[in-house]
Protein backbone atom coordinates (compact mmCIF):
# COMPACT_ATOMS: atom_id res chain seq x y z
CA MET A 1 3.75 -23.21 10.55
CA LYS A 2 1.24 -22.45 7.78
CA ARG A 3 -2.25 -21.42 8.92
CA PRO A 4 -5.34 -22.45 6.92
CA TRP A 5 -6.97 -19.75 4.80
CA SER A 6 -10.22 -19.55 6.76
CA ILE A 7 -13.00 -16.98 6.28
CA ALA A 8 -11.76 -15.16 9.38
CA ARG A 9 -8.29 -14.89 7.86
CA LEU A 10 -9.48 -13.95 4.37
CA ALA A 11 -11.93 -11.30 5.66
CA PRO A 12 -9.38 -8.53 6.38
CA ILE A 13 -7.57 -9.28 3.09
CA VAL A 14 -10.79 -8.67 1.13
CA VAL A 15 -11.77 -5.64 3.23
CA VAL A 16 -8.39 -3.95 2.74
CA ALA A 17 -8.43 -4.66 -1.02
CA VAL A 18 -11.88 -3.09 -1.45
CA ALA A 19 -11.23 -0.19 0.94
CA THR A 20 -8.10 0.82 -1.00
CA LEU A 21 -9.65 0.37 -4.45
CA VAL A 22 -10.03 4.10 -5.19
CA TYR A 23 -6.41 4.69 -4.17
CA ASN A 24 -5.20 1.77 -6.29
CA THR A 25 -7.19 2.87 -9.37
CA LEU A 26 -6.68 6.64 -9.13
CA PRO A 27 -5.29 6.98 -12.71
CA ALA A 28 -8.41 5.30 -14.14
CA ILE A 29 -10.83 7.31 -11.97
CA THR A 30 -9.15 10.67 -12.51
CA GLY A 31 -8.98 9.96 -16.24
CA LEU A 32 -12.72 9.26 -16.21
CA LEU A 33 -13.46 12.51 -14.35
CA ALA A 34 -11.32 14.44 -16.82
CA ARG A 35 -13.11 12.96 -19.84
CA GLN A 36 -16.72 13.07 -18.65
CA LEU A 37 -16.72 16.06 -16.28
CA GLY A 38 -13.91 18.11 -17.82
CA PHE A 39 -11.94 18.44 -14.58
CA ASP A 40 -8.55 20.13 -15.02
CA SER A 41 -5.24 18.77 -13.70
CA GLU A 42 -5.40 20.92 -10.56
CA THR A 43 -8.81 19.52 -9.60
CA LEU A 44 -7.71 15.97 -10.36
CA GLY A 45 -4.62 16.47 -8.21
CA ALA A 46 -6.79 17.75 -5.38
CA PHE A 47 -9.03 14.68 -5.72
CA GLY A 48 -6.09 12.29 -5.40
CA SER A 49 -4.48 14.27 -2.58
CA ALA A 50 -7.78 14.39 -0.67
CA ASP A 51 -8.02 10.60 -0.83
CA LEU A 52 -4.47 10.10 0.48
CA PHE A 53 -4.81 12.82 3.13
CA GLY A 54 -8.07 11.30 4.34
CA MET A 55 -6.47 7.85 4.58
CA GLY A 56 -3.69 9.24 6.74
CA MET A 57 -6.21 11.02 8.98
CA GLY A 58 -8.25 7.83 9.24
CA ALA A 59 -5.20 5.85 10.33
CA LEU A 60 -4.38 8.49 12.97
CA ALA A 61 -7.99 8.44 14.14
CA ALA A 62 -7.75 4.65 14.54
CA ILE A 63 -4.78 5.17 16.89
CA ALA A 64 -6.72 7.75 18.91
CA VAL A 65 -9.85 5.63 19.48
CA MET A 66 -8.45 2.11 19.74
CA ARG A 67 -8.58 2.02 23.56
CA ASN A 68 -12.33 2.55 23.44
CA THR A 69 -13.25 0.40 20.47
CA SER A 70 -12.43 -2.87 18.68
CA PRO A 71 -11.08 -3.89 15.27
CA ARG A 72 -14.59 -5.04 14.38
CA ALA A 73 -16.15 -1.68 15.23
CA THR A 74 -13.30 0.34 13.67
CA GLY A 75 -13.48 -1.63 10.44
CA ALA A 76 -17.29 -1.43 10.23
CA ILE A 77 -17.38 2.32 10.95
CA GLY A 78 -14.69 2.92 8.35
CA LEU A 79 -16.60 0.94 5.73
CA VAL A 80 -19.86 2.80 6.48
CA VAL A 81 -18.08 6.16 6.15
CA LEU A 82 -16.54 5.01 2.86
CA LEU A 83 -19.95 3.79 1.63
CA VAL A 84 -21.53 7.18 2.40
CA ALA A 85 -18.70 8.95 0.57
CA ASP A 86 -18.97 6.73 -2.55
CA LEU A 87 -22.76 6.98 -2.81
CA GLY A 88 -22.56 10.71 -2.06
CA SER A 89 -20.09 11.07 -4.92
CA ALA A 90 -22.53 9.31 -7.23
CA ILE A 91 -25.27 11.91 -6.59
CA SER A 92 -23.01 14.97 -6.58
CA GLY A 93 -21.49 16.64 -9.60
CA SER A 94 -19.37 19.58 -8.55
CA ALA A 95 -15.61 19.43 -8.18
CA ALA A 96 -15.76 20.81 -4.62
CA ALA A 97 -18.25 18.14 -3.53
CA LEU A 98 -16.30 15.27 -5.09
CA VAL A 99 -13.01 16.40 -3.54
CA SER A 100 -14.63 16.83 -0.10
CA LEU A 101 -16.35 13.46 -0.30
CA ARG A 102 -13.10 11.84 -1.40
CA ALA A 103 -11.41 13.16 1.73
CA LEU A 104 -14.27 11.69 3.79
CA GLY A 105 -13.93 8.39 1.93
CA GLY A 106 -10.21 8.43 2.63
CA VAL A 107 -10.89 8.72 6.37
CA GLY A 108 -13.18 5.69 6.15
CA ALA A 109 -10.57 3.75 4.18
CA GLY A 110 -7.87 4.64 6.72
CA LEU A 111 -10.02 3.32 9.59
CA ALA A 112 -10.88 0.09 7.76
CA VAL A 113 -7.30 -0.53 6.61
CA SER A 114 -5.91 0.06 10.11
CA ALA A 115 -8.31 -2.54 11.50
CA GLY A 116 -7.34 -4.91 8.70
CA TYR A 117 -3.62 -4.51 9.31
CA TYR A 118 -4.14 -5.22 13.00
CA MET A 119 -5.81 -8.49 12.01
CA PHE A 120 -2.84 -9.28 9.74
CA SER A 121 -0.51 -8.76 12.69
CA LEU A 122 -2.03 -11.47 14.86
CA GLU A 123 -0.40 -14.42 13.06
CA ASP A 124 1.64 -15.36 9.97
CA GLN A 125 2.24 -11.66 9.34
CA GLN A 126 4.32 -11.82 6.17
CA ARG A 127 1.97 -14.17 4.32
CA ASN A 128 -1.01 -12.05 5.32
CA ALA A 129 0.67 -8.86 4.07
CA ALA A 130 1.67 -10.57 0.81
CA ALA A 131 -1.83 -11.97 0.32
CA SER A 132 -3.21 -8.47 0.87
CA MET A 133 -0.95 -7.07 -1.84
CA LEU A 134 -1.95 -9.90 -4.19
CA ALA A 135 -5.65 -9.14 -3.60
CA GLN A 136 -5.15 -5.40 -4.05
CA ILE A 137 -3.24 -5.77 -7.31
CA ALA A 138 -5.66 -8.36 -8.74
CA LEU A 139 -8.75 -6.32 -7.84
CA ALA A 140 -7.18 -3.14 -9.20
CA VAL A 141 -6.36 -4.86 -12.52
CA VAL A 142 -9.99 -5.94 -12.90
CA ALA A 143 -11.31 -2.53 -11.84
CA VAL A 144 -9.02 -0.56 -14.16
CA ALA A 145 -10.27 -2.66 -17.07
CA GLY A 146 -13.91 -2.38 -15.97
CA ILE A 147 -14.17 1.31 -15.05
CA PRO A 148 -14.08 2.69 -18.63
CA ARG A 149 -16.64 0.09 -19.81
CA LEU A 150 -18.97 0.75 -16.89
CA ALA A 151 -18.75 4.52 -17.40
CA HIS A 152 -19.35 4.14 -21.14
CA LEU A 153 -22.55 2.17 -20.55
CA TRP A 154 -24.05 4.02 -17.58
CA GLY A 155 -21.99 7.17 -17.02
CA TRP A 156 -19.43 8.20 -14.42
CA ARG A 157 -21.91 8.00 -11.53
CA SER A 158 -22.21 4.24 -12.01
CA VAL A 159 -18.53 3.83 -11.09
CA PHE A 160 -19.08 5.28 -7.61
CA VAL A 161 -22.28 3.26 -7.21
CA GLY A 162 -20.28 0.14 -8.09
CA LEU A 163 -17.58 1.03 -5.58
CA GLY A 164 -20.27 1.44 -2.93
CA LEU A 165 -21.92 -1.89 -3.73
CA LEU A 166 -18.60 -3.69 -3.28
CA LEU A 167 -18.50 -2.40 0.31
CA ILE A 168 -21.76 -4.09 1.35
CA PRO A 169 -20.39 -7.65 1.54
CA CYS A 170 -17.31 -6.20 3.26
CA LEU A 171 -19.56 -5.03 6.10
CA LEU A 172 -20.52 -8.66 6.63
CA LEU A 173 -16.88 -9.75 6.47
CA ALA A 174 -15.95 -7.13 9.08
CA ARG A 175 -17.94 -9.21 11.59
CA GLN A 176 -15.05 -11.69 11.38
CA PHE A 177 -12.67 -9.11 12.89
CA SER A 178 -11.79 -9.60 16.55
CA ALA A 179 -14.02 -8.05 19.21
CA GLY A 180 -11.11 -6.43 21.04
CA TYR A 181 -7.48 -5.41 20.75
CA LYS A 182 -4.84 -7.43 22.53
CA GLU A 183 -1.19 -6.66 23.09
CA THR A 184 1.57 -9.19 22.47
CA ASN A 185 4.69 -9.59 24.57
CA PRO A 186 7.54 -8.12 22.49
CA GLY A 187 10.05 -10.61 23.79
CA ASP A 188 13.04 -10.13 26.08
CA LEU A 189 14.27 -6.85 24.59
CA SER A 190 14.09 -3.87 26.92
CA GLY A 191 11.39 -1.27 26.34
CA SER A 192 13.82 1.31 24.99
CA GLN A 193 15.44 -1.24 22.66
CA THR A 194 12.08 -2.38 21.36
CA SER A 195 10.86 1.19 20.82
CA GLY A 196 14.03 2.19 18.96
CA VAL A 197 13.98 -0.88 16.73
CA LEU A 198 10.30 -0.41 15.91
CA TRP A 199 10.86 3.22 14.97
CA LEU A 200 13.58 2.09 12.56
CA GLY A 201 11.03 -0.22 10.97
CA LEU A 202 8.37 2.48 10.72
CA ILE A 203 10.79 5.02 9.25
CA SER A 204 12.01 2.37 6.81
CA SER A 205 8.41 1.77 5.72
CA ALA A 206 7.69 5.50 5.34
CA LEU A 207 10.81 6.10 3.22
CA PHE A 208 10.08 3.09 1.04
CA ASN A 209 6.50 4.21 0.38
CA VAL A 210 7.65 7.75 -0.46
CA ALA A 211 10.08 6.20 -2.95
CA VAL A 212 7.46 3.89 -4.51
CA ASP A 213 4.80 6.61 -4.89
CA GLY A 214 7.32 9.09 -6.24
CA TYR A 215 8.66 6.61 -8.79
CA TRP A 216 5.17 5.46 -9.81
CA THR A 217 4.24 9.06 -10.63
CA TYR A 218 7.17 9.49 -13.03
CA ILE A 219 7.58 6.01 -14.52
CA GLU A 220 5.98 7.06 -17.80
CA SER A 221 7.88 10.35 -17.95
CA ILE A 222 11.20 8.58 -17.35
CA GLY A 223 10.45 6.17 -20.18
CA ALA A 224 9.45 9.01 -22.50
CA ALA A 225 12.64 10.94 -21.64
CA ALA A 226 14.64 7.83 -22.56
CA GLY A 227 12.95 7.69 -25.95
CA ILE A 228 10.63 4.76 -25.25
CA THR A 229 7.43 4.82 -27.32
CA GLU A 230 4.04 5.28 -25.67
CA ASP A 231 2.92 1.78 -26.70
CA MET A 232 6.01 0.18 -25.17
CA ILE A 233 5.57 2.17 -21.97
CA SER A 234 1.96 0.97 -21.72
CA TRP A 235 3.03 -2.61 -22.41
CA GLY A 236 5.81 -2.35 -19.84
CA LEU A 237 3.34 -1.19 -17.17
CA SER A 238 1.01 -4.09 -17.99
CA ILE A 239 3.83 -6.64 -17.79
CA SER A 240 5.14 -5.12 -14.56
CA THR A 241 1.69 -5.43 -12.97
CA ALA A 242 1.72 -9.15 -13.76
CA MET A 243 5.20 -9.38 -12.23
CA GLY A 244 3.84 -7.67 -9.11
CA LEU A 245 1.30 -10.48 -8.84
CA LEU A 246 4.12 -13.01 -9.21
CA GLY A 247 6.08 -11.24 -6.46
CA ALA A 248 3.07 -11.41 -4.14
CA VAL A 249 2.70 -15.16 -4.80
CA LEU A 250 6.39 -15.68 -4.05
CA ALA A 251 6.04 -13.71 -0.81
CA ILE A 252 3.09 -15.90 0.25
CA VAL A 253 5.07 -19.06 -0.50
CA LEU A 254 8.15 -17.82 1.36
CA GLY A 255 6.24 -16.44 4.35
CA ASP A 256 8.51 -15.75 7.34
CA ARG A 257 11.37 -17.58 5.65
CA VAL A 258 12.34 -14.27 4.03
CA HIS A 259 15.69 -13.61 5.77
CA GLY A 260 18.24 -10.85 5.59
CA SER A 261 19.97 -12.00 2.41
CA ILE A 262 16.67 -12.07 0.50
CA VAL A 263 15.82 -8.55 1.70
CA VAL A 264 19.26 -7.30 0.60
CA ALA A 265 18.80 -8.99 -2.79
CA CYS A 266 15.37 -7.35 -3.17
CA VAL A 267 16.80 -3.91 -2.46
CA ILE A 268 19.68 -4.42 -4.92
CA VAL A 269 17.40 -5.72 -7.70
CA ASN A 270 14.91 -2.94 -6.97
CA ILE A 271 17.62 -0.28 -7.37
CA ILE A 272 18.96 -1.91 -10.55
CA GLY A 273 15.46 -1.76 -12.02
CA ILE A 274 15.08 1.92 -11.12
CA VAL A 275 18.41 2.91 -12.67
CA ALA A 276 17.96 0.77 -15.79
CA SER A 277 14.51 2.21 -16.52
CA SER A 278 16.13 5.22 -18.21
CA TYR A 279 18.17 3.12 -20.64
CA PRO A 280 17.14 3.95 -24.26
CA SER A 281 16.00 0.44 -25.11
CA SER A 282 12.41 -0.84 -25.03
CA TRP A 283 13.26 -4.34 -23.84
CA VAL A 284 15.54 -2.98 -21.08
CA TYR A 285 12.77 -0.59 -19.96
CA VAL A 286 10.19 -3.40 -19.79
CA THR A 287 12.63 -5.72 -18.01
CA ALA A 288 13.62 -2.98 -15.56
CA LEU A 289 10.00 -2.31 -14.59
CA SER A 290 9.32 -6.03 -14.28
CA VAL A 291 12.19 -6.77 -11.90
CA TYR A 292 11.34 -3.62 -9.93
CA TYR A 293 7.73 -4.65 -9.41
CA VAL A 294 8.44 -8.28 -8.57
CA THR A 295 10.48 -7.15 -5.55
CA LEU A 296 7.86 -4.81 -4.08
CA PRO A 297 5.51 -7.37 -2.45
CA ILE A 298 8.44 -9.37 -1.05
CA TYR A 299 10.11 -6.34 0.52
CA PHE A 300 6.86 -4.84 1.79
CA SER A 301 5.67 -8.08 3.39
CA ALA A 302 9.10 -8.54 5.00
CA GLN A 303 8.88 -5.02 6.47
CA PHE A 304 5.44 -5.64 7.91
CA GLY A 305 6.31 -9.11 9.16
CA VAL A 306 9.45 -8.21 11.08
CA VAL A 307 7.88 -5.11 12.63
CA MET A 308 4.77 -6.92 13.82
CA ARG A 309 6.66 -9.98 15.06
CA ARG A 310 8.85 -7.70 17.15
CA ALA A 311 5.82 -6.23 18.95
CA ALA A 312 2.40 -7.06 17.53
CA SER A 313 0.01 -4.47 18.96
CA SER A 314 -2.94 -2.37 17.89
CA ARG A 315 -0.90 0.84 18.10
CA ILE A 316 2.01 -0.49 16.03
CA ALA A 317 -0.38 -1.86 13.38
CA ALA A 318 -2.04 1.56 13.10
CA GLN A 319 1.32 3.35 13.05
CA PHE A 320 2.49 1.05 10.26
CA THR A 321 -0.64 2.01 8.30
CA VAL A 322 0.22 5.69 8.79
CA SER A 323 3.76 5.02 7.53
CA ILE A 324 2.28 3.64 4.30
CA TYR A 325 0.29 6.82 3.68
CA VAL A 326 3.34 9.00 4.29
CA GLY A 327 4.04 7.83 0.74
CA SER A 328 1.64 10.55 -0.44
CA LEU A 329 4.60 12.93 -0.07
CA GLY A 330 6.42 10.98 -2.79
CA PRO A 331 4.83 12.64 -5.84
CA ILE A 332 5.33 16.11 -4.31
CA LEU A 333 9.00 15.57 -3.46
CA ALA A 334 9.71 13.80 -6.75
CA GLY A 335 8.05 16.72 -8.54
CA LEU A 336 10.41 19.17 -6.84
CA VAL A 337 13.39 17.05 -7.91
CA ALA A 338 12.08 16.83 -11.49
CA ASN A 339 11.49 20.60 -11.69
CA HIS A 340 15.00 21.45 -10.45
CA TYR A 341 17.13 18.69 -11.95
CA GLY A 342 15.06 17.04 -14.68
CA VAL A 343 12.81 13.99 -14.71
CA LEU A 344 15.68 11.48 -14.90
CA ALA A 345 17.00 12.78 -11.57
CA VAL A 346 13.89 11.33 -9.93
CA ARG A 347 15.56 7.92 -10.26
CA TRP A 348 18.40 8.94 -7.92
CA PHE A 349 15.95 10.44 -5.43
CA VAL A 350 14.11 7.11 -5.38
CA VAL A 351 17.35 5.10 -5.23
CA VAL A 352 18.58 7.01 -2.17
CA LEU A 353 15.30 6.56 -0.28
CA THR A 354 15.13 2.85 -1.17
CA ALA A 355 18.73 2.27 -0.07
CA VAL A 356 18.24 4.12 3.24
CA SER A 357 15.01 2.17 3.83
CA GLY A 358 16.88 -1.11 3.30
CA VAL A 359 19.74 -0.11 5.59
CA LEU A 360 17.36 0.89 8.39
CA LEU A 361 15.41 -2.35 8.08
CA TRP A 362 18.64 -4.35 8.18
CA LEU A 363 20.04 -2.48 11.19
CA GLY A 364 16.80 -2.67 13.13
CA PHE A 365 15.85 -6.27 12.54
CA PHE A 366 18.17 -8.51 10.58
CA SER A 367 21.41 -7.49 12.29
CA PHE A 368 19.82 -8.63 15.59
CA TYR A 369 18.00 -11.58 14.04
CA GLY A 370 20.35 -14.27 15.26
CA ILE A 371 20.05 -13.01 18.84
CA HIS A 372 16.40 -12.05 19.29
CA ARG A 373 13.74 -13.40 17.05
CA PRO A 374 10.21 -13.02 18.39
CA SER A 375 7.91 -15.74 17.23
CA ASP A 376 4.30 -15.28 16.17
CA ASN A 377 2.99 -15.62 19.73
CA GLY A 378 5.41 -13.12 21.18
CA VAL A 379 7.85 -15.64 22.69
CA VAL A 380 11.45 -15.22 21.67
CA SER A 381 12.83 -18.22 19.85
CA SER A 382 16.31 -19.15 18.77
CA PRO A 383 17.15 -19.92 15.14
């Protein structure tokens, strides 16, 4: 059953999109810092790593404090911490200060996102996750286009001021978050069965995010190694972003009707796109990136939906958030593969992780789907 898109339902979608904006626009922000402050690649890498590390720590902190707090309080505290970090970045100027404040901002983002994902888990999980991806991609597209213009007019500090100002209405939206955590009956599976299945889902999510972040880091390098021109690579990335938006819309339309065969098809198409991206043809490269990106929101929302329908709880929602930020290992591991075996070998590293992620998700959820299918309210229903 489709739920109406009320303010209470839209609030966490907006909060998560704004809280993850630095993460989703890192190339634009690091490029700005390189141009206007002269930061070297090592400093820029530390800036990005600090953001991802902080997000992971924030998600872990959300797990630690959830028995003594609420999604509303967790989200609000996270947004305040992120606001302090963004405004602090605007008045600082040294590399050490910006990296430290980015880590602090990451902690705030991790807290806010964990609260948001818990709200997603309460009902219509797959549509909520897909709508979140749609909002994140759309906001990032606007921000990436606006950051250079804003910095050109008022300097790099204005970018962090702008990021901070976006958080103020989010503090009001956080009031729509629930005032307490509640646990949902995971159905008639035994505790050990439920725990094992959920761990398969979390590991599947972690592997998939490592693959996505690793591939994203080397997409341009793979195209260049295949002989694709810089202009075509840039055009391919723009087209693929639009396809990501299309994938998110499809995921919203499909909702929890995404079944095992669709997930398998997504994994297969995803892998075909990865492999084909090294073919020495511009149109094949652009097509490969497009089909790759259109599958991401569908597969991600399916992962989140089946995990949270199996046992929607505050702890599982926070653990799923942590599994997303495990993806920060992707660029490091892909870099090791590229250094030892060449940049094109990164494709096979990503293919293996994607395939294993798909197999784990299938084994944990879709192979049992005809027997035990928890509904949105925690009661097991038959197909």
